[in-house]
Every structure is written in structure tokens, then in C-alpha cells.
Amino acid sequence: MAEPLDLVVIGTGEGGSGPAYRCRRAGWRVAVVDELPYGGTCALRGCDPKKVLVGAAELTDWRRRMEGRGVSGDAHISWPDLMRFKRTFTDPVPADREKAFQQAGISTPHGPARFLSPERLSVDGQVLEARHFVISAGAKPRRLGIPGEEYLLTSTAYLELDQLPPRIAFLGAGYISFEFAHVSRRAGAQATIIGRGKPLQHFEQDLVTRLTDHTRSLGIDVRVDAEVTAIEQRAGRDVVQVHSHGRVETLEAEAVVHGGGRVPNTEGLDLQAANVATEPNGGVRVNEFLQSVSNPRVYAAGDAAASPGSLPLTPVAAYEGVIVASNLLNGNTQRPDYRGIPSVVFTVPALAGVGLTEAEARQRQLDIRVKAEDTSGWYSNRRVAETCAMFKVIEDSQTGRILGAHLLGPHAEEVINLFALGIRSGLPATDLKHLLYAYPTSGADVPYMIP
């Protein structure tokens, strides 16, 4: 066995990179471990490659909307060319990340990690002993327990398709299914979304209803209150059995994509051997300092951490990684603050939200003012011919502060950051209302959204 280390980090994404680099700069002996190519979900299998595809979908949709409004000609997505472009972002990442770790003096063993004891870890037969561990192993698609589950494509596999199948079914009505269905439809495929309950249930439902209606108007078949009960393969096609409203139907597709939720990727770590307590979904149970409640050697960040109030988002993982690094180096003094974290569904147009929904605010019996409006007739949307646009803003009547903001339309993913700043900083809504904005911009609409 090699000389004991100060820190072993499991996972090379945003949540694990921060502790690795910061502790190494402080003189610690550090190793990072990953069974997948170095770089983590966002850079390789999530946010970044997805947004490349979304960019192409936005362009083709904008051209469609502007037909007869001064724009003519064709714009269509060549899927093989788009994937080649996407790979210019993803292909260099693993080697670049590993090289950066090594140049910083961080060792980089590859392979699946498995705890042998509270202070020892096995990586492909190599035993590592350390004073501390950070678990930041990300998430993976949850098991669905249906016959034919093995035929499902993961979101990772979808992002690696060399050819886009002509018919694709997306199992689940969350952000993965909506985003990929929008991209697929703009690229010429037939897309079906199959969800058991409310679509995009963590977002403001009035805006979700509007987005769902718009999604259907694009030719995407959105089926809610429907459950996939089996998948078969026949003659190179997937046959999906769907139970809906007391009826059993089948639909055929060349691919079925798993968009039915994700769970922490901790199953293979044998956390029981390390005395690391977990939640039923596999997330590491942590205290307010992101430290394991049962093994003080262990901290967790990102999707692997069951931290109340956290969200499974890349910026949150990076933020938690910084918190963990500080607590490792300086003792437990830093606690994460999850106020004002924006979240976006990168459909076309985008749906964005931050803070409380109206239903959540009323459930808490807060005294609120709510303003909601269709904004398709506002200049910022009319000039790009976008008919799917809406907002809802919730304000605390007592304090005058924004409690929640929800946007649907062009640049929603950018404008939501202004509301996030207001919520996280505790700014009075009047500060956002009276700010002098650059015009004409989508941000200049903010004052008209304040209740």
C-alpha cells in the first residue's frame, strides 16, 4: 500500500475539483479518482454539450418564426455535423483535466472506487489510505424496474448519437425529456414525452402549462398521467407499452431515452464499509458543514450529497466543493446558503425559475403580492416573433422583497439571474424596479414584472 494521503476525492467534476485543487495548494497530498473519463457530467455528458445542441435548435426555430418577417431561405440541422461540432468541446476535456491535475501535483488513479474501511479505498486493486475523503461522484439514471429497461438510452448515449433516429420517445416529463425533445423536433425527428404526473413539477405550473401547450404545437406528443410499463425490441424498433387513463397503448420508436429521474452515483462505493450513512436514494447524509453524519473523515458535494435545500445543478456542486474545501482546511465553519439559486429548462424558448413558486408561498401562508402576464405582445418578444412568453413574480407584501420569479421566453435563462441576485442579496424589489437598464434588452422588462 502506498504512503497515506491527506485527501482522496471521488469524482472529477465541479464538486470534486474545488477541494482537490484548494487542498493541494495548501500542501496536502491529494488524489482524485474517477471510473469515467475525467471532467464530470457537466463538461462531458450534461450542460455544456447539451447547450451546443440547444443553440442549433434556437437558430432553426428563430428562422422559422421570422419567415415572412424579412427572413427567407432554409436553415436545418445536420445532426452528424452538429455532433462533430459538439465533440470539439467534449473530446479534449478528459486529457486536459487529467493533465491539469497532474501538473498541480495531484495523483490521478483511474477505475471504480470501493471503500474497504473508514480510512481505506480500493481503486482497481490499488489501495489508498487517507485522512479525509470527498465524495462527489455525481448522479446516474435511476432504476425504473420495468421489463425491457435495458433497451433505454441514457442522456449520455443520446448526446453521443452519430445519427438522430426518426422517432424518439422520452420516458419521464422532466427537464431532460423536454430539452432533448425540443432539440430532436427541431432536428426533424418525431418526439414523444411520456410522464406519470405533472410535467416539470418543480417549476411554476402556470408557466409549465403554457410551455407544454407550446411544445405540443411544435408537433411533440406530450402524454401526461401515462406510465411506461414495458419496452420490447422488434425488428430493430422499440415497442413501448403505455398505461394511460385505464387503457393500454403501444407506440413504436427507434430509440427510447431515459428521462425518468436520477439518483446519486454511490451504489458501487460500498459506503457501509466506510461507516457512511446514506439516504434511501444513496445520497450521503451530511450535517450543515457537508460532512458525513457518521464518518467525520468524509465530506460530500454535488449530487452525491443529501444536503437539505440543495439543487442538482452544476453551480451548486462547484459552490459546495468550495465550502467543503474551506471546512477541510480550516475546520467546520462554512455552511452552504441555498437562497436564490436559479434553475433553467433549456427548451426553446427557455423556462427559468428562482425562489418560491406561488403554490409554495401560499402553502407557507405568506402574505404575498403576485404579478403574472403573457408577454408575447411585449416588444422584446414581438421583435423575434416569439408567441410563447410569460412571467410570474411573487413579492413579500411585508418586506417588499422578491420571493420568487418565473420566466418563459427568449433570454429567460439570462434575465432570471437578475432576480436571483435580488433574492440572494435580499434587495428590495424597488431596487430592481428603479435600476436603469440597457435598452432595448430583455433585462429592461424586469421593472414591468415587479408587483
Foldseek 3Di string as FASTA:
>chain_A
DDDAWAEEEEAQELLRVLLLLLVLVVVTAYAYEYQDQHYDCCQAQDVQLLVLLLVLLLVQVLLVLCVVVPHDDHRADDLLVSLVVSCVRHVVRRVVSQVVCVVSVYHYQYADWADQAQFWIAGPNDIHGHLAYEYENAKFFDDDPAAPPVQAAESRVVSNDNDQWQEEEEEAQELSLQSVCQSSLRNRHAYEYEHQAQHNVVAQRVLVVLVVVVSVVSRHHYHYNKHFRYWDDDPQWIWTWIDHPNDIDIDITNHYHYPHDIAAPCVRHNCVNSQFDADPRQATEADQQQAGPGRRRYGYFARNHPDPLADNDSVRSNVSSNSNSCCSVPNRDDGDDNALDKDWRSHVPIKIKHADHPVVCVVVVFAKDKDKDQCCVPPQNVVSSDRSWMKMWIARPVLQATRMIIITHPPPVPLSVVNSVRGVVVNHLVVLLPDDDDPPDPNVCSNVRRD
